[in-house]
Amino acid sequence: MKVRNLGKSGVKVSVVGLGTNRFGSEKTPQSEVNRIIDHALELRINHNDTANADQN
């Protein structure tokens, strides 16, 4: 997984993030959430977007 610097903090962030706003809803059961997160970790994704909505 490619990474980029997060500003000047020295933290490396994956260029691909995981959107998690549907996690915890009836539409996405916990077993599916676990499977998705496990796969993201295997791909070395370390950027998780937990916002309920995006703004322009």
PDB file of N, CA and C in Angstrom:
ATOM      1  N   MET A   1       0.846  -1.171   0.000  1.00  0.00           N
ATOM      2  CA  MET A   1       0.000   0.000   0.000  1.00  0.00           C
ATOM      3  C   MET A   1       0.894   1.237   0.000  1.00  0.00           C
ATOM      4  N   LYS A   2       0.609   2.152  -0.888  1.00  0.00           N
ATOM      5  CA  LYS A   2       1.341   3.414  -0.920  1.00  0.00           C
ATOM      6  C   LYS A   2       0.908   4.271   0.258  1.00  0.00           C
ATOM      7  N   VAL A   3       1.843   5.053   0.783  1.00  0.00           N
ATOM      8  CA  VAL A   3       1.562   5.956   1.901  1.00  0.00           C
ATOM      9  C   VAL A   3       2.049   7.357   1.571  1.00  0.00           C
ATOM     10  N   ARG A   4       1.490   8.311   2.277  1.00  0.00           N
ATOM     11  CA  ARG A   4       1.919   9.709   2.155  1.00  0.00           C
ATOM     12  C   ARG A   4       2.094  10.274   3.550  1.00  0.00           C
ATOM     13  N   ASN A   5       2.887  11.343   3.632  1.00  0.00           N
ATOM     14  CA  ASN A   5       3.065  12.030   4.910  1.00  0.00           C
ATOM     15  C   ASN A   5       1.804  12.799   5.261  1.00  0.00           C
ATOM     16  N   LEU A   6       1.456  12.785   6.534  1.00  0.00           N
ATOM     17  CA  LEU A   6       0.338  13.563   7.029  1.00  0.00           C
ATOM     18  C   LEU A   6       0.896  14.905   7.517  1.00  0.00           C
ATOM     19  N   GLY A   7       0.893  15.858   6.607  1.00  0.00           N
ATOM     20  CA  GLY A   7       1.473  17.166   6.921  1.00  0.00           C
ATOM     21  C   GLY A   7       2.927  17.015   7.306  1.00  0.00           C
ATOM     22  N   LYS A   8       3.332  17.708   8.363  1.00  0.00           N
ATOM     23  CA  LYS A   8       4.710  17.639   8.857  1.00  0.00           C
ATOM     24  C   LYS A   8       4.800  16.821  10.141  1.00  0.00           C
ATOM     25  N   SER A   9       3.770  16.022  10.413  1.00  0.00           N
ATOM     26  CA  SER A   9       3.698  15.261  11.662  1.00  0.00           C
ATOM     27  C   SER A   9       4.641  14.059  11.700  1.00  0.00           C
ATOM     28  N   GLY A  10       5.084  13.592  10.533  1.00  0.00           N
ATOM     29  CA  GLY A  10       5.904  12.391  10.485  1.00  0.00           C
ATOM     30  C   GLY A  10       5.067  11.115  10.410  1.00  0.00           C
ATOM     31  N   VAL A  11       3.749  11.263  10.452  1.00  0.00           N
ATOM     32  CA  VAL A  11       2.854  10.112  10.371  1.00  0.00           C
ATOM     33  C   VAL A  11       2.644   9.751   8.909  1.00  0.00           C
ATOM     34  N   LYS A  12       2.721   8.474   8.599  1.00  0.00           N
ATOM     35  CA  LYS A  12       2.484   7.976   7.242  1.00  0.00           C
ATOM     36  C   LYS A  12       1.055   7.447   7.178  1.00  0.00           C
ATOM     37  N   VAL A  13       0.308   7.891   6.161  1.00  0.00           N
ATOM     38  CA  VAL A  13      -1.093   7.510   6.002  1.00  0.00           C
ATOM     39  C   VAL A  13      -1.265   6.837   4.651  1.00  0.00           C
ATOM     40  N   SER A  14      -2.009   5.742   4.633  1.00  0.00           N
ATOM     41  CA  SER A  14      -2.261   5.044   3.371  1.00  0.00           C
ATOM     42  C   SER A  14      -3.036   5.959   2.428  1.00  0.00           C
ATOM     43  N   VAL A  15      -2.743   5.852   1.125  1.00  0.00           N
ATOM     44  CA  VAL A  15      -3.420   6.706   0.149  1.00  0.00           C
ATOM     45  C   VAL A  15      -4.860   6.269  -0.058  1.00  0.00           C
ATOM     46  N   VAL A  16      -5.172   5.038   0.294  1.00  0.00           N
ATOM     47  CA  VAL A  16      -6.547   4.539   0.247  1.00  0.00           C
ATOM     48  C   VAL A  16      -7.071   4.478   1.670  1.00  0.00           C
ATOM     49  N   GLY A  17      -8.268   5.013   1.869  1.00  0.00           N
ATOM     50  CA  GLY A  17      -8.884   4.982   3.185  1.00  0.00           C
ATOM     51  C   GLY A  17     -10.105   4.079   3.200  1.00  0.00           C
ATOM     52  N   LEU A  18     -10.535   3.726   4.382  1.00  0.00           N
ATOM     53  CA  LEU A  18     -11.711   2.879   4.565  1.00  0.00           C
ATOM     54  C   LEU A  18     -12.834   3.728   5.144  1.00  0.00           C
ATOM     55  N   GLY A  19     -13.922   3.882   4.390  1.00  0.00           N
ATOM     56  CA  GLY A  19     -15.094   4.603   4.873  1.00  0.00           C
ATOM     57  C   GLY A  19     -15.928   3.706   5.765  1.00  0.00           C
ATOM     58  N   THR A  20     -16.194   4.143   6.972  1.00  0.00           N
ATOM     59  CA  THR A  20     -16.859   3.277   7.958  1.00  0.00           C
ATOM     60  C   THR A  20     -18.197   3.826   8.437  1.00  0.00           C
ATOM     61  N   ASN A  21     -18.778   4.773   7.717  1.00  0.00           N
ATOM     62  CA  ASN A  21     -19.997   5.401   8.220  1.00  0.00           C
ATOM     63  C   ASN A  21     -21.189   4.449   8.279  1.00  0.00           C
ATOM     64  N   ARG A  22     -21.163   3.337   7.575  1.00  0.00           N
ATOM     65  CA  ARG A  22     -22.252   2.347   7.627  1.00  0.00           C
ATOM     66  C   ARG A  22     -22.033   1.294   8.708  1.00  0.00           C
ATOM     67  N   PHE A  23     -20.861   1.285   9.311  1.00  0.00           N
ATOM     68  CA  PHE A  23     -20.583   0.308  10.359  1.00  0.00           C
ATOM     69  C   PHE A  23     -21.463   0.621  11.572  1.00  0.00           C
ATOM     70  N   GLY A  24     -22.004  -0.414  12.179  1.00  0.00           N
ATOM     71  CA  GLY A  24     -22.859  -0.227  13.340  1.00  0.00           C
ATOM     72  C   GLY A  24     -24.330  -0.095  12.977  1.00  0.00           C
ATOM     73  N   SER A  25     -24.652  -0.117  11.690  1.00  0.00           N
ATOM     74  CA  SER A  25     -26.051  -0.036  11.270  1.00  0.00           C
ATOM     75  C   SER A  25     -26.592  -1.446  11.041  1.00  0.00           C
ATOM     76  N   GLU A  26     -27.894  -1.548  10.930  1.00  0.00           N
ATOM     77  CA  GLU A  26     -28.522  -2.849  10.664  1.00  0.00           C
ATOM     78  C   GLU A  26     -28.117  -3.390   9.296  1.00  0.00           C
ATOM     79  N   LYS A  27     -27.754  -2.501   8.381  1.00  0.00           N
ATOM     80  CA  LYS A  27     -27.395  -2.912   7.014  1.00  0.00           C
ATOM     81  C   LYS A  27     -26.051  -3.618   6.944  1.00  0.00           C
ATOM     82  N   THR A  28     -25.213  -3.420   7.950  1.00  0.00           N
ATOM     83  CA  THR A  28     -23.888  -4.040   7.952  1.00  0.00           C
ATOM     84  C   THR A  28     -23.697  -4.782   9.273  1.00  0.00           C
ATOM     85  N   PRO A  29     -23.942  -6.088   9.287  1.00  0.00           N
ATOM     86  CA  PRO A  29     -23.793  -6.856  10.533  1.00  0.00           C
ATOM     87  C   PRO A  29     -22.345  -6.883  11.014  1.00  0.00           C
ATOM     88  N   GLN A  30     -22.163  -7.104  12.298  1.00  0.00           N
ATOM     89  CA  GLN A  30     -20.835  -7.079  12.904  1.00  0.00           C
ATOM     90  C   GLN A  30     -19.886  -8.061  12.237  1.00  0.00           C
ATOM     91  N   SER A  31     -20.372  -9.223  11.842  1.00  0.00           N
ATOM     92  CA  SER A  31     -19.491 -10.200  11.189  1.00  0.00           C
ATOM     93  C   SER A  31     -18.924  -9.651   9.884  1.00  0.00           C
ATOM     94  N   GLU A  32     -19.725  -8.883   9.159  1.00  0.00           N
ATOM     95  CA  GLU A  32     -19.254  -8.265   7.910  1.00  0.00           C
ATOM     96  C   GLU A  32     -18.253  -7.144   8.208  1.00  0.00           C
ATOM     97  N   VAL A  33     -18.521  -6.364   9.245  1.00  0.00           N
ATOM     98  CA  VAL A  33     -17.599  -5.300   9.662  1.00  0.00           C
ATOM     99  C   VAL A  33     -16.238  -5.912   9.994  1.00  0.00           C
ATOM    100  N   ASN A  34     -16.248  -6.974  10.760  1.00  0.00           N
ATOM    101  CA  ASN A  34     -14.989  -7.640  11.132  1.00  0.00           C
ATOM    102  C   ASN A  34     -14.230  -8.111   9.901  1.00  0.00           C
ATOM    103  N   ARG A  35     -14.944  -8.697   8.931  1.00  0.00           N
ATOM    104  CA  ARG A  35     -14.314  -9.184   7.710  1.00  0.00           C
ATOM    105  C   ARG A  35     -13.689  -8.040   6.919  1.00  0.00           C
ATOM    106  N   ILE A  36     -14.410  -6.915   6.813  1.00  0.00           N
ATOM    107  CA  ILE A  36     -13.914  -5.750   6.072  1.00  0.00           C
ATOM    108  C   ILE A  36     -12.671  -5.171   6.734  1.00  0.00           C
ATOM    109  N   ILE A  37     -12.726  -5.000   8.053  1.00  0.00           N
ATOM    110  CA  ILE A  37     -11.587  -4.430   8.776  1.00  0.00           C
ATOM    111  C   ILE A  37     -10.375  -5.356   8.682  1.00  0.00           C
ATOM    112  N   ASP A  38     -10.593  -6.650   8.839  1.00  0.00           N
ATOM    113  CA  ASP A  38      -9.481  -7.595   8.723  1.00  0.00           C
ATOM    114  C   ASP A  38      -8.824  -7.504   7.351  1.00  0.00           C
ATOM    115  N   HIS A  39      -9.632  -7.404   6.316  1.00  0.00           N
ATOM    116  CA  HIS A  39      -9.077  -7.310   4.952  1.00  0.00           C
ATOM    117  C   HIS A  39      -8.325  -5.988   4.770  1.00  0.00           C
ATOM    118  N   ALA A  40      -8.874  -4.896   5.288  1.00  0.00           N
ATOM    119  CA  ALA A  40      -8.187  -3.600   5.192  1.00  0.00           C
ATOM    120  C   ALA A  40      -6.824  -3.660   5.896  1.00  0.00           C
ATOM    121  N   LEU A  41      -6.765  -4.306   7.039  1.00  0.00           N
ATOM    122  CA  LEU A  41      -5.490  -4.437   7.752  1.00  0.00           C
ATOM    123  C   LEU A  41      -4.494  -5.280   6.960  1.00  0.00           C
ATOM    124  N   GLU A  42      -4.991  -6.331   6.310  1.00  0.00           N
ATOM    125  CA  GLU A  42      -4.117  -7.149   5.457  1.00  0.00           C
ATOM    126  C   GLU A  42      -3.522  -6.315   4.326  1.00  0.00           C
ATOM    127  N   LEU A  43      -4.303  -5.361   3.817  1.00  0.00           N
ATOM    128  CA  LEU A  43      -3.838  -4.487   2.737  1.00  0.00           C
ATOM    129  C   LEU A  43      -3.008  -3.318   3.252  1.00  0.00           C
ATOM    130  N   ARG A  44      -2.840  -3.227   4.555  1.00  0.00           N
ATOM    131  CA  ARG A  44      -2.069  -2.175   5.234  1.00  0.00           C
ATOM    132  C   ARG A  44      -2.738  -0.802   5.114  1.00  0.00           C
ATOM    133  N   ILE A  45      -4.065  -0.787   5.072  1.00  0.00           N
ATOM    134  CA  ILE A  45      -4.814   0.469   5.095  1.00  0.00           C
ATOM    135  C   ILE A  45      -4.874   0.945   6.538  1.00  0.00           C
ATOM    136  N   ASN A  46      -4.391   2.159   6.792  1.00  0.00           N
ATOM    137  CA  ASN A  46      -4.381   2.685   8.154  1.00  0.00           C
ATOM    138  C   ASN A  46      -5.149   3.998   8.274  1.00  0.00           C
ATOM    139  N   HIS A  47      -5.905   4.339   7.239  1.00  0.00           N
ATOM    140  CA  HIS A  47      -6.701   5.576   7.248  1.00  0.00           C
ATOM    141  C   HIS A  47      -8.181   5.184   7.249  1.00  0.00           C
ATOM    142  N   ASN A  48      -8.874   5.455   8.366  1.00  0.00           N
ATOM    143  CA  ASN A  48     -10.281   5.136   8.494  1.00  0.00           C
ATOM    144  C   ASN A  48     -11.089   6.423   8.611  1.00  0.00           C
ATOM    145  N   ASP A  49     -12.040   6.580   7.721  1.00  0.00           N
ATOM    146  CA  ASP A  49     -12.913   7.755   7.724  1.00  0.00           C
ATOM    147  C   ASP A  49     -14.173   7.385   8.502  1.00  0.00           C
ATOM    148  N   THR A  50     -14.364   8.002   9.648  1.00  0.00           N
ATOM    149  CA  THR A  50     -15.507   7.679  10.523  1.00  0.00           C
ATOM    150  C   THR A  50     -16.585   8.759  10.502  1.00  0.00           C
ATOM    151  N   ALA A  51     -16.464   9.748   9.605  1.00  0.00           N
ATOM    152  CA  ALA A  51     -17.445  10.831   9.556  1.00  0.00           C
ATOM    153  C   ALA A  51     -18.817  10.312   9.126  1.00  0.00           C
ATOM    154  N   ASN A  52     -19.877  10.884   9.716  1.00  0.00           N
ATOM    155  CA  ASN A  52     -21.235  10.523   9.330  1.00  0.00           C
ATOM    156  C   ASN A  52     -21.594  11.051   7.956  1.00  0.00           C
ATOM    157  N   ALA A  53     -21.001  12.172   7.568  1.00  0.00           N
ATOM    158  CA  ALA A  53     -21.298  12.777   6.269  1.00  0.00           C
ATOM    159  C   ALA A  53     -20.133  13.640   5.839  1.00  0.00           C
ATOM    160  N   ASP A  54     -19.994  13.820   4.533  1.00  0.00           N
ATOM    161  CA  ASP A  54     -18.975  14.704   3.984  1.00  0.00           C
ATOM    162  C   ASP A  54     -19.594  16.046   3.663  1.00  0.00           C
ATOM    163  N   GLN A  55     -18.818  17.098   3.808  1.00  0.00           N
ATOM    164  CA  GLN A  55     -19.283  18.434   3.450  1.00  0.00           C
ATOM    165  C   GLN A  55     -18.433  18.996   2.353  1.00  0.00           C
ATOM    166  N   ASN A  56     -19.028  19.826   1.519  1.00  0.00           N
ATOM    167  CA  ASN A  56     -18.283  20.496   0.448  1.00  0.00           C
ATOM    168  C   ASN A  56     -17.890  21.882   0.875  1.00  0.00           C
TER     169      ASN A  56
END
